[in-house]
Amino acid sequence: MESFLIQSRQFEDKSQTLDILNKVCENVSILIDENFEAIDFCFRTNLVQELIQILNDDIKFEDVTFNHINALKCFGVFGTIAQRKKLSDLGVSRAIVKYLKSQDEKVTEFTATVLAKCIFNEWTTAEDETTCIDQPLYDFHPFPHYDNLGQDGVIDALFEDGFLNGRNGKTKQLSAECLAYIYSSKTLPEQLRVKLISHLKEINDEEIKKDNFIEQLIRKAGLLKISKSCRDKDTYDSINNLIEAHKPELFQYNSELENDNIILSYSKPSNQFSTNSRWTKSDFKIEKKLEGYEFSTMY
């Protein structure tokens, strides 16, 4: 398949080239779906690098489809820690982040998935096998490649194209989580902080009931709360008030989640805010308590 990708660059007929790229990416996705031996084999060739090259240079922005991004997404989802690290080292974030602007919501969602897998992988591997964080609230270890992501435009794109203007709730959720890890030990820039708070305040009741906006509300609030900028009392109070105003919706959403058996789950509210987070490489599970609502996310 690698040879097909290389040869396709020599065709003068661009429609023929596009057909070949589509078929190769589709077949790669089928081949490596939960097939760990196939994934290992692909990483021992230049196939992954060629797939990244396609999305970086070889294909027009408007021609990128679900199949092209899905191939890389499967490597991120089913790959090992070391393989995800190689994805990052090959520059996958820089190559695909522009597709957060795509008109196809599946393209944006799968782009955000690849970015989230790589960013979370980089953050967890920056410390020892297990990192436990209790108090104080702001004692988080730094993201290792903050400067590189900033220079490549990844951070700005995650905020503007993924978080604020994402095509669907999943894209927004994944972009918010990426930003949370990137800013895990940094103060949010003033401009970004102001926009986040303004965006939160603009969410109305009808919007919040659609497309998992309750989940987004909690994650956005969490993004601000785990940042050092939340030491600012006005910011902290704004988020607290926002959560307080939507407690009825939170309880309703809690019931719906339990019925649907979704990964994200909330416990009964407590009277005191606390943070108790645990990251383990074995299962990539994060447990946090945010404003009395306990949830866990499995990557």
C-alpha atoms as a PDB file:
ATOM      1  CA  MET A   1       0.000   0.000   0.000  1.00  0.00           C
ATOM      2  CA  GLU A   2       2.900   2.300   0.656  1.00  0.00           C
ATOM      3  CA  SER A   3       4.033   1.889  -2.961  1.00  0.00           C
ATOM      4  CA  PHE A   4       0.557   2.819  -4.222  1.00  0.00           C
ATOM      5  CA  LEU A   5       0.725   6.068  -2.275  1.00  0.00           C
ATOM      6  CA  ILE A   6       4.143   6.910  -3.688  1.00  0.00           C
ATOM      7  CA  GLN A   7       3.171   6.038  -7.274  1.00  0.00           C
ATOM      8  CA  SER A   8      -0.063   8.019  -7.077  1.00  0.00           C
ATOM      9  CA  ARG A   9       1.959  11.242  -6.959  1.00  0.00           C
ATOM     10  CA  GLN A  10       3.169  10.567 -10.503  1.00  0.00           C
ATOM     11  CA  PHE A  11      -0.282  10.451 -12.102  1.00  0.00           C
ATOM     12  CA  GLU A  12      -1.307  13.459 -14.156  1.00  0.00           C
ATOM     13  CA  ASP A  13      -4.977  12.590 -13.769  1.00  0.00           C
ATOM     14  CA  LYS A  14      -5.784  14.058 -10.353  1.00  0.00           C
ATOM     15  CA  SER A  15      -9.129  12.273 -10.124  1.00  0.00           C
ATOM     16  CA  GLN A  16      -7.327   8.963 -10.554  1.00  0.00           C
ATOM     17  CA  THR A  17      -4.847   9.973  -7.868  1.00  0.00           C
ATOM     18  CA  LEU A  18      -7.674  10.857  -5.513  1.00  0.00           C
ATOM     19  CA  ASP A  19      -9.409   7.525  -6.140  1.00  0.00           C
ATOM     20  CA  ILE A  20      -6.229   5.641  -5.271  1.00  0.00           C
ATOM     21  CA  LEU A  21      -5.672   7.668  -2.117  1.00  0.00           C
ATOM     22  CA  ASN A  22      -9.258   7.066  -1.012  1.00  0.00           C
ATOM     23  CA  LYS A  23      -9.029   3.317  -1.566  1.00  0.00           C
ATOM     24  CA  VAL A  24      -5.654   2.963   0.139  1.00  0.00           C
ATOM     25  CA  CYS A  25      -6.767   4.914   3.210  1.00  0.00           C
ATOM     26  CA  GLU A  26     -10.020   2.964   3.393  1.00  0.00           C
ATOM     27  CA  ASN A  27      -8.169  -0.357   3.201  1.00  0.00           C
ATOM     28  CA  VAL A  28      -5.640   0.726   5.810  1.00  0.00           C
ATOM     29  CA  SER A  29      -8.475   1.576   8.204  1.00  0.00           C
ATOM     30  CA  ILE A  30     -10.060  -1.839   7.665  1.00  0.00           C
ATOM     31  CA  LEU A  31      -6.752  -3.648   8.030  1.00  0.00           C
ATOM     32  CA  ILE A  32      -5.610  -2.077  11.293  1.00  0.00           C
ATOM     33  CA  ASP A  33      -8.972  -1.847  13.079  1.00  0.00           C
ATOM     34  CA  GLU A  34      -8.146  -3.616  16.380  1.00  0.00           C
ATOM     35  CA  ASN A  35      -5.400  -5.511  14.525  1.00  0.00           C
ATOM     36  CA  PHE A  36      -2.344  -4.859  16.658  1.00  0.00           C
ATOM     37  CA  GLU A  37       0.043  -6.963  14.583  1.00  0.00           C
ATOM     38  CA  ALA A  38      -0.922  -5.057  11.443  1.00  0.00           C
ATOM     39  CA  ILE A  39      -0.409  -1.750  13.250  1.00  0.00           C
ATOM     40  CA  ASP A  40       3.044  -2.843  14.358  1.00  0.00           C
ATOM     41  CA  PHE A  41       3.913  -3.882  10.805  1.00  0.00           C
ATOM     42  CA  CYS A  42       2.755  -0.534   9.397  1.00  0.00           C
ATOM     43  CA  PHE A  43       4.904   1.377  11.865  1.00  0.00           C
ATOM     44  CA  ARG A  44       7.924  -0.649  10.753  1.00  0.00           C
ATOM     45  CA  THR A  45       7.403   0.640   7.216  1.00  0.00           C
ATOM     46  CA  ASN A  46       6.989   4.182   5.912  1.00  0.00           C
ATOM     47  CA  LEU A  47       3.224   3.798   5.494  1.00  0.00           C
ATOM     48  CA  VAL A  48       2.282   6.009   8.445  1.00  0.00           C
ATOM     49  CA  GLN A  49       4.682   8.691   7.284  1.00  0.00           C
ATOM     50  CA  GLU A  50       3.173   8.536   3.786  1.00  0.00           C
ATOM     51  CA  LEU A  51      -0.352   8.913   5.177  1.00  0.00           C
ATOM     52  CA  ILE A  52       0.724  12.002   7.093  1.00  0.00           C
ATOM     53  CA  GLN A  53       2.406  13.357   3.959  1.00  0.00           C
ATOM     54  CA  ILE A  54      -0.850  12.956   2.023  1.00  0.00           C
ATOM     55  CA  LEU A  55      -2.751  15.108   4.487  1.00  0.00           C
ATOM     56  CA  ASN A  56       0.052  17.610   4.811  1.00  0.00           C
ATOM     57  CA  ASP A  57       0.815  18.256   1.123  1.00  0.00           C
ATOM     58  CA  ASP A  58      -0.573  15.805  -1.424  1.00  0.00           C
ATOM     59  CA  ILE A  59      -4.303  16.387  -1.254  1.00  0.00           C
ATOM     60  CA  LYS A  60      -6.416  19.514  -1.507  1.00  0.00           C
ATOM     61  CA  PHE A  61      -8.136  20.656   1.663  1.00  0.00           C
ATOM     62  CA  GLU A  62     -11.625  20.299   0.192  1.00  0.00           C
ATOM     63  CA  ASP A  63     -10.880  16.757  -1.054  1.00  0.00           C
ATOM     64  CA  VAL A  64     -10.042  15.332   2.379  1.00  0.00           C
ATOM     65  CA  THR A  65     -12.685  12.873   3.527  1.00  0.00           C
ATOM     66  CA  PHE A  66     -13.567  10.686   6.470  1.00  0.00           C
ATOM     67  CA  ASN A  67     -11.433   7.852   5.038  1.00  0.00           C
ATOM     68  CA  HIS A  68      -8.221   9.871   4.966  1.00  0.00           C
ATOM     69  CA  ILE A  69      -8.472  10.965   8.591  1.00  0.00           C
ATOM     70  CA  ASN A  70      -9.866   7.639   9.782  1.00  0.00           C
ATOM     71  CA  ALA A  71      -6.697   5.809   8.787  1.00  0.00           C
ATOM     72  CA  LEU A  72      -4.605   7.963  11.125  1.00  0.00           C
ATOM     73  CA  LYS A  73      -7.314   7.894  13.778  1.00  0.00           C
ATOM     74  CA  CYS A  74      -7.113   4.086  13.916  1.00  0.00           C
ATOM     75  CA  PHE A  75      -3.367   4.287  14.539  1.00  0.00           C
ATOM     76  CA  GLY A  76      -4.010   6.719  17.380  1.00  0.00           C
ATOM     77  CA  VAL A  77      -6.867   4.751  18.929  1.00  0.00           C
ATOM     78  CA  PHE A  78      -5.441   1.230  18.671  1.00  0.00           C
ATOM     79  CA  GLY A  79      -1.728   2.031  18.774  1.00  0.00           C
ATOM     80  CA  THR A  80       0.525   1.606  21.786  1.00  0.00           C
ATOM     81  CA  ILE A  81       2.064   4.403  23.839  1.00  0.00           C
ATOM     82  CA  ALA A  82       5.266   4.131  21.798  1.00  0.00           C
ATOM     83  CA  GLN A  83       3.345   4.157  18.514  1.00  0.00           C
ATOM     84  CA  ARG A  84       1.374   7.238  19.503  1.00  0.00           C
ATOM     85  CA  LYS A  85       4.653   8.868  20.429  1.00  0.00           C
ATOM     86  CA  LYS A  86       5.941   8.090  16.948  1.00  0.00           C
ATOM     87  CA  LEU A  87       2.818   9.665  15.450  1.00  0.00           C
ATOM     88  CA  SER A  88       3.652  12.843  17.347  1.00  0.00           C
ATOM     89  CA  ASP A  89       7.311  12.700  16.343  1.00  0.00           C
ATOM     90  CA  LEU A  90       6.298  12.378  12.682  1.00  0.00           C
ATOM     91  CA  GLY A  91       4.460  15.694  12.966  1.00  0.00           C
ATOM     92  CA  VAL A  92       0.893  14.438  12.726  1.00  0.00           C
ATOM     93  CA  SER A  93      -0.524  17.335  14.780  1.00  0.00           C
ATOM     94  CA  ARG A  94       1.056  19.954  12.550  1.00  0.00           C
ATOM     95  CA  ALA A  95      -0.089  18.122   9.403  1.00  0.00           C
ATOM     96  CA  ILE A  96      -3.753  17.613  10.261  1.00  0.00           C
ATOM     97  CA  VAL A  97      -4.770  20.459  12.593  1.00  0.00           C
ATOM     98  CA  LYS A  98      -6.031  22.536   9.646  1.00  0.00           C
ATOM     99  CA  TYR A  99      -8.805  19.996   9.129  1.00  0.00           C
ATOM    100  CA  LEU A 100     -10.543  21.231  12.261  1.00  0.00           C
ATOM    101  CA  LYS A 101     -11.886  23.830   9.796  1.00  0.00           C
ATOM    102  CA  SER A 102     -13.428  21.194   7.520  1.00  0.00           C
ATOM    103  CA  GLN A 103     -17.103  21.444   6.568  1.00  0.00           C
ATOM    104  CA  ASP A 104     -17.409  17.691   7.181  1.00  0.00           C
ATOM    105  CA  GLU A 105     -18.114  17.137  10.871  1.00  0.00           C
ATOM    106  CA  LYS A 106     -16.681  13.610  10.768  1.00  0.00           C
ATOM    107  CA  VAL A 107     -13.411  14.980   9.430  1.00  0.00           C
ATOM    108  CA  THR A 108     -13.239  17.547  12.237  1.00  0.00           C
ATOM    109  CA  GLU A 109     -14.218  15.000  14.889  1.00  0.00           C
ATOM    110  CA  PHE A 110     -11.640  12.439  13.780  1.00  0.00           C
ATOM    111  CA  THR A 111      -8.992  15.153  13.484  1.00  0.00           C
ATOM    112  CA  ALA A 112      -9.719  16.156  17.079  1.00  0.00           C
ATOM    113  CA  THR A 113      -9.541  12.478  18.093  1.00  0.00           C
ATOM    114  CA  VAL A 114      -6.049  12.061  16.640  1.00  0.00           C
ATOM    115  CA  LEU A 115      -4.893  15.286  18.290  1.00  0.00           C
ATOM    116  CA  ALA A 116      -6.376  14.249  21.642  1.00  0.00           C
ATOM    117  CA  LYS A 117      -4.719  10.828  21.542  1.00  0.00           C
ATOM    118  CA  CYS A 118      -1.311  12.297  20.771  1.00  0.00           C
ATOM    119  CA  ILE A 119      -1.547  15.216  23.207  1.00  0.00           C
ATOM    120  CA  PHE A 120      -2.812  13.035  26.050  1.00  0.00           C
ATOM    121  CA  ASN A 121      -0.084  10.491  25.280  1.00  0.00           C
ATOM    122  CA  GLU A 122       2.619  13.168  25.381  1.00  0.00           C
ATOM    123  CA  TRP A 123       1.292  14.533  28.664  1.00  0.00           C
ATOM    124  CA  THR A 124       1.055  11.178  30.452  1.00  0.00           C
ATOM    125  CA  THR A 125       4.476   9.974  29.326  1.00  0.00           C
ATOM    126  CA  ALA A 126       6.108  13.141  30.641  1.00  0.00           C
ATOM    127  CA  GLU A 127       6.005  11.789  34.199  1.00  0.00           C
ATOM    128  CA  ASP A 128       6.549   8.509  36.017  1.00  0.00           C
ATOM    129  CA  GLU A 129       4.319   5.469  35.527  1.00  0.00           C
ATOM    130  CA  THR A 130       1.625   6.900  37.785  1.00  0.00           C
ATOM    131  CA  THR A 131       0.987  10.511  38.695  1.00  0.00           C
ATOM    132  CA  CYS A 132      -1.427  11.219  41.527  1.00  0.00           C
ATOM    133  CA  ILE A 133      -2.600  14.751  42.135  1.00  0.00           C
ATOM    134  CA  ASP A 134      -4.532  15.757  45.220  1.00  0.00           C
ATOM    135  CA  GLN A 135      -4.161  19.194  46.759  1.00  0.00           C
ATOM    136  CA  PRO A 136      -3.219  21.894  46.004  1.00  0.00           C
ATOM    137  CA  LEU A 137      -5.631  22.449  43.131  1.00  0.00           C
ATOM    138  CA  TYR A 138      -3.066  23.914  40.740  1.00  0.00           C
ATOM    139  CA  ASP A 139      -0.234  21.424  41.239  1.00  0.00           C
ATOM    140  CA  PHE A 140      -0.176  19.899  37.721  1.00  0.00           C
ATOM    141  CA  HIS A 141       2.931  18.869  35.812  1.00  0.00           C
ATOM    142  CA  PRO A 142       3.606  20.839  32.616  1.00  0.00           C
ATOM    143  CA  PHE A 143       2.839  19.742  29.073  1.00  0.00           C
ATOM    144  CA  PRO A 144       6.206  18.897  27.475  1.00  0.00           C
ATOM    145  CA  HIS A 145       5.748  20.371  23.977  1.00  0.00           C
ATOM    146  CA  TYR A 146       3.799  23.544  24.624  1.00  0.00           C
ATOM    147  CA  ASP A 147       6.150  25.777  22.619  1.00  0.00           C
ATOM    148  CA  ASN A 148       6.178  23.467  19.588  1.00  0.00           C
ATOM    149  CA  LEU A 149       2.390  23.247  19.457  1.00  0.00           C
ATOM    150  CA  GLY A 150       2.168  27.017  19.759  1.00  0.00           C
ATOM    151  CA  GLN A 151       4.603  27.598  16.900  1.00  0.00           C
ATOM    152  CA  ASP A 152       2.756  25.099  14.702  1.00  0.00           C
ATOM    153  CA  GLY A 153      -0.556  26.860  15.284  1.00  0.00           C
ATOM    154  CA  VAL A 154      -2.069  23.820  16.996  1.00  0.00           C
ATOM    155  CA  ILE A 155      -3.094  25.613  20.206  1.00  0.00           C
ATOM    156  CA  ASP A 156      -4.840  28.474  18.406  1.00  0.00           C
ATOM    157  CA  ALA A 157      -6.623  26.058  16.070  1.00  0.00           C
ATOM    158  CA  LEU A 158      -7.823  23.880  18.944  1.00  0.00           C
ATOM    159  CA  PHE A 159      -9.331  26.923  20.614  1.00  0.00           C
ATOM    160  CA  GLU A 160     -10.804  28.776  17.624  1.00  0.00           C
ATOM    161  CA  ASP A 161     -11.710  25.953  15.226  1.00  0.00           C
ATOM    162  CA  GLY A 162     -12.204  23.029  17.583  1.00  0.00           C
ATOM    163  CA  PHE A 163     -13.448  24.448  20.879  1.00  0.00           C
ATOM    164  CA  LEU A 164     -15.400  27.565  19.893  1.00  0.00           C
ATOM    165  CA  ASN A 165     -16.470  26.675  16.344  1.00  0.00           C
ATOM    166  CA  GLY A 166     -16.372  22.876  16.293  1.00  0.00           C
ATOM    167  CA  ARG A 167     -18.819  21.185  13.930  1.00  0.00           C
ATOM    168  CA  ASN A 168     -20.255  18.935  16.625  1.00  0.00           C
ATOM    169  CA  GLY A 169     -20.184  18.345  20.365  1.00  0.00           C
ATOM    170  CA  LYS A 170     -17.514  15.644  20.180  1.00  0.00           C
ATOM    171  CA  THR A 171     -15.102  17.930  18.343  1.00  0.00           C
ATOM    172  CA  LYS A 172     -15.635  20.622  20.967  1.00  0.00           C
ATOM    173  CA  GLN A 173     -15.214  18.147  23.824  1.00  0.00           C
ATOM    174  CA  LEU A 174     -11.962  16.698  22.495  1.00  0.00           C
ATOM    175  CA  SER A 175     -10.562  20.155  21.729  1.00  0.00           C
ATOM    176  CA  ALA A 176     -11.400  21.306  25.264  1.00  0.00           C
ATOM    177  CA  GLU A 177      -9.622  18.281  26.719  1.00  0.00           C
ATOM    178  CA  CYS A 178      -6.560  18.958  24.556  1.00  0.00           C
ATOM    179  CA  LEU A 179      -6.432  22.536  25.832  1.00  0.00           C
ATOM    180  CA  ALA A 180      -6.800  21.322  29.410  1.00  0.00           C
ATOM    181  CA  TYR A 181      -3.661  19.186  29.114  1.00  0.00           C
ATOM    182  CA  ILE A 182      -1.709  21.801  27.178  1.00  0.00           C
ATOM    183  CA  TYR A 183      -2.439  24.430  29.857  1.00  0.00           C
ATOM    184  CA  SER A 184      -2.247  21.977  32.767  1.00  0.00           C
ATOM    185  CA  SER A 185       0.396  24.020  34.592  1.00  0.00           C
ATOM    186  CA  LYS A 186       0.142  27.382  32.847  1.00  0.00           C
ATOM    187  CA  THR A 187      -1.971  30.469  33.312  1.00  0.00           C
ATOM    188  CA  LEU A 188      -4.477  30.826  30.502  1.00  0.00           C
ATOM    189  CA  PRO A 189      -3.635  33.828  28.304  1.00  0.00           C
ATOM    190  CA  GLU A 190      -5.887  36.787  29.032  1.00  0.00           C
ATOM    191  CA  GLN A 191      -7.447  36.829  25.569  1.00  0.00           C
ATOM    192  CA  LEU A 192      -8.205  33.113  25.653  1.00  0.00           C
ATOM    193  CA  ARG A 193      -9.567  33.331  29.198  1.00  0.00           C
ATOM    194  CA  VAL A 194     -11.901  36.213  28.340  1.00  0.00           C
ATOM    195  CA  LYS A 195     -13.207  34.434  25.246  1.00  0.00           C
ATOM    196  CA  LEU A 196     -13.840  31.245  27.191  1.00  0.00           C
ATOM    197  CA  ILE A 197     -15.831  33.041  29.863  1.00  0.00           C
ATOM    198  CA  SER A 198     -17.794  35.003  27.248  1.00  0.00           C
ATOM    199  CA  HIS A 199     -18.526  31.796  25.372  1.00  0.00           C
ATOM    200  CA  LEU A 200     -19.765  30.110  28.531  1.00  0.00           C
ATOM    201  CA  LYS A 201     -22.047  33.014  29.396  1.00  0.00           C
ATOM    202  CA  GLU A 202     -23.568  33.014  25.895  1.00  0.00           C
ATOM    203  CA  ILE A 203     -24.785  29.416  26.157  1.00  0.00           C
ATOM    204  CA  ASN A 204     -28.568  29.448  26.560  1.00  0.00           C
ATOM    205  CA  ASP A 205     -30.877  26.751  27.867  1.00  0.00           C
ATOM    206  CA  GLU A 206     -31.945  25.517  24.438  1.00  0.00           C
ATOM    207  CA  GLU A 207     -28.365  25.150  23.226  1.00  0.00           C
ATOM    208  CA  ILE A 208     -27.283  23.428  26.373  1.00  0.00           C
ATOM    209  CA  LYS A 209     -29.853  20.669  25.904  1.00  0.00           C
ATOM    210  CA  LYS A 210     -28.522  19.756  22.470  1.00  0.00           C
ATOM    211  CA  ASP A 211     -25.378  17.975  21.303  1.00  0.00           C
ATOM    212  CA  ASN A 212     -24.071  17.109  24.767  1.00  0.00           C
ATOM    213  CA  PHE A 213     -23.751  20.761  25.794  1.00  0.00           C
ATOM    214  CA  ILE A 214     -24.155  19.779  29.445  1.00  0.00           C
ATOM    215  CA  GLU A 215     -21.017  17.707  29.052  1.00  0.00           C
ATOM    216  CA  GLN A 216     -19.367  20.639  27.300  1.00  0.00           C
ATOM    217  CA  LEU A 217     -20.387  23.011  30.083  1.00  0.00           C
ATOM    218  CA  ILE A 218     -18.747  20.857  32.722  1.00  0.00           C
ATOM    219  CA  ARG A 219     -15.608  20.326  30.684  1.00  0.00           C
ATOM    220  CA  LYS A 220     -15.302  24.025  29.869  1.00  0.00           C
ATOM    221  CA  ALA A 221     -15.750  24.871  33.509  1.00  0.00           C
ATOM    222  CA  GLY A 222     -13.153  22.253  34.369  1.00  0.00           C
ATOM    223  CA  LEU A 223     -10.730  23.699  31.844  1.00  0.00           C
ATOM    224  CA  LEU A 224     -10.908  27.059  33.581  1.00  0.00           C
ATOM    225  CA  LYS A 225     -10.882  25.631  37.085  1.00  0.00           C
ATOM    226  CA  ILE A 226      -7.707  23.594  36.667  1.00  0.00           C
ATOM    227  CA  SER A 227      -5.871  26.610  35.288  1.00  0.00           C
ATOM    228  CA  LYS A 228      -3.922  28.951  37.529  1.00  0.00           C
ATOM    229  CA  SER A 229      -5.929  31.821  36.072  1.00  0.00           C
ATOM    230  CA  CYS A 230      -8.854  30.626  38.184  1.00  0.00           C
ATOM    231  CA  ARG A 231      -7.194  32.174  41.199  1.00  0.00           C
ATOM    232  CA  ASP A 232      -8.802  35.329  39.872  1.00  0.00           C
ATOM    233  CA  LYS A 233     -11.965  35.584  41.981  1.00  0.00           C
ATOM    234  CA  ASP A 234     -14.161  37.004  39.201  1.00  0.00           C
ATOM    235  CA  THR A 235     -13.303  34.104  36.909  1.00  0.00           C
ATOM    236  CA  TYR A 236     -13.848  31.545  39.630  1.00  0.00           C
ATOM    237  CA  ASP A 237     -17.201  33.061  40.619  1.00  0.00           C
ATOM    238  CA  SER A 238     -18.357  33.250  37.001  1.00  0.00           C
ATOM    239  CA  ILE A 239     -17.857  29.527  36.502  1.00  0.00           C
ATOM    240  CA  ASN A 240     -19.362  28.642  39.867  1.00  0.00           C
ATOM    241  CA  ASN A 241     -22.448  30.720  39.083  1.00  0.00           C
ATOM    242  CA  LEU A 242     -22.778  29.145  35.656  1.00  0.00           C
ATOM    243  CA  ILE A 243     -22.740  25.627  37.083  1.00  0.00           C
ATOM    244  CA  GLU A 244     -25.130  26.600  39.868  1.00  0.00           C
ATOM    245  CA  ALA A 245     -27.610  28.039  37.367  1.00  0.00           C
ATOM    246  CA  HIS A 246     -27.833  24.776  35.472  1.00  0.00           C
ATOM    247  CA  LYS A 247     -28.014  22.242  38.276  1.00  0.00           C
ATOM    248  CA  PRO A 248     -31.482  20.981  37.206  1.00  0.00           C
ATOM    249  CA  GLU A 249     -30.148  20.237  33.725  1.00  0.00           C
ATOM    250  CA  LEU A 250     -27.123  18.538  35.252  1.00  0.00           C
ATOM    251  CA  PHE A 251     -29.308  16.176  37.267  1.00  0.00           C
ATOM    252  CA  GLN A 252     -31.425  15.401  34.199  1.00  0.00           C
ATOM    253  CA  TYR A 253     -28.312  14.771  32.138  1.00  0.00           C
ATOM    254  CA  ASN A 254     -26.987  12.526  34.891  1.00  0.00           C
ATOM    255  CA  SER A 255     -30.045  10.292  34.594  1.00  0.00           C
ATOM    256  CA  GLU A 256     -29.789  10.150  30.814  1.00  0.00           C
ATOM    257  CA  LEU A 257     -26.126   9.182  31.012  1.00  0.00           C
ATOM    258  CA  GLU A 258     -26.804   6.376  33.462  1.00  0.00           C
ATOM    259  CA  ASN A 259     -29.594   5.035  31.257  1.00  0.00           C
ATOM    260  CA  ASP A 260     -27.425   5.151  28.152  1.00  0.00           C
ATOM    261  CA  ASN A 261     -24.362   3.764  29.976  1.00  0.00           C
ATOM    262  CA  ILE A 262     -22.083   6.449  28.543  1.00  0.00           C
ATOM    263  CA  ILE A 263     -18.450   6.597  29.717  1.00  0.00           C
ATOM    264  CA  LEU A 264     -18.874   9.984  31.382  1.00  0.00           C
ATOM    265  CA  SER A 265     -20.811   9.566  34.654  1.00  0.00           C
ATOM    266  CA  TYR A 266     -21.601  11.837  37.562  1.00  0.00           C
ATOM    267  CA  SER A 267     -22.056  11.052  41.225  1.00  0.00           C
ATOM    268  CA  LYS A 268     -24.327  12.863  43.635  1.00  0.00           C
ATOM    269  CA  PRO A 269     -23.183  16.407  44.394  1.00  0.00           C
ATOM    270  CA  SER A 270     -21.195  17.067  47.520  1.00  0.00           C
ATOM    271  CA  ASN A 271     -21.116  20.269  49.546  1.00  0.00           C
ATOM    272  CA  GLN A 272     -17.460  20.994  49.019  1.00  0.00           C
ATOM    273  CA  PHE A 273     -15.333  21.443  45.929  1.00  0.00           C
ATOM    274  CA  SER A 274     -12.381  19.072  45.788  1.00  0.00           C
ATOM    275  CA  THR A 275      -9.967  17.651  43.269  1.00  0.00           C
ATOM    276  CA  ASN A 276      -8.650  14.109  43.339  1.00  0.00           C
ATOM    277  CA  SER A 277      -7.067  13.089  40.054  1.00  0.00           C
ATOM    278  CA  ARG A 278      -5.225   9.949  39.071  1.00  0.00           C
ATOM    279  CA  TRP A 279      -3.497   9.219  35.771  1.00  0.00           C
ATOM    280  CA  THR A 280      -2.244   5.717  35.012  1.00  0.00           C
ATOM    281  CA  LYS A 281      -0.639   4.597  31.793  1.00  0.00           C
ATOM    282  CA  SER A 282      -2.184   1.160  32.098  1.00  0.00           C
ATOM    283  CA  ASP A 283      -5.732   2.303  31.380  1.00  0.00           C
ATOM    284  CA  PHE A 284      -5.431   6.069  30.807  1.00  0.00           C
ATOM    285  CA  LYS A 285      -8.193   6.719  33.288  1.00  0.00           C
ATOM    286  CA  ILE A 286      -8.760  10.122  34.779  1.00  0.00           C
ATOM    287  CA  GLU A 287     -10.930  10.595  37.804  1.00  0.00           C
ATOM    288  CA  LYS A 288     -11.760  14.085  38.944  1.00  0.00           C
ATOM    289  CA  LYS A 289     -14.248  15.829  41.142  1.00  0.00           C
ATOM    290  CA  LEU A 290     -15.482  19.059  39.693  1.00  0.00           C
ATOM    291  CA  GLU A 291     -17.839  21.230  41.668  1.00  0.00           C
ATOM    292  CA  GLY A 292     -19.190  18.187  43.454  1.00  0.00           C
ATOM    293  CA  TYR A 293     -19.770  16.169  40.256  1.00  0.00           C
ATOM    294  CA  GLU A 294     -17.469  13.208  39.943  1.00  0.00           C
ATOM    295  CA  PHE A 295     -16.753  11.909  36.475  1.00  0.00           C
ATOM    296  CA  SER A 296     -14.300   9.634  34.753  1.00  0.00           C
ATOM    297  CA  THR A 297     -13.034   9.647  31.194  1.00  0.00           C
ATOM    298  CA  MET A 298     -11.449   6.649  29.475  1.00  0.00           C
ATOM    299  CA  TYR A 299      -9.168   7.248  26.510  1.00  0.00           C
END
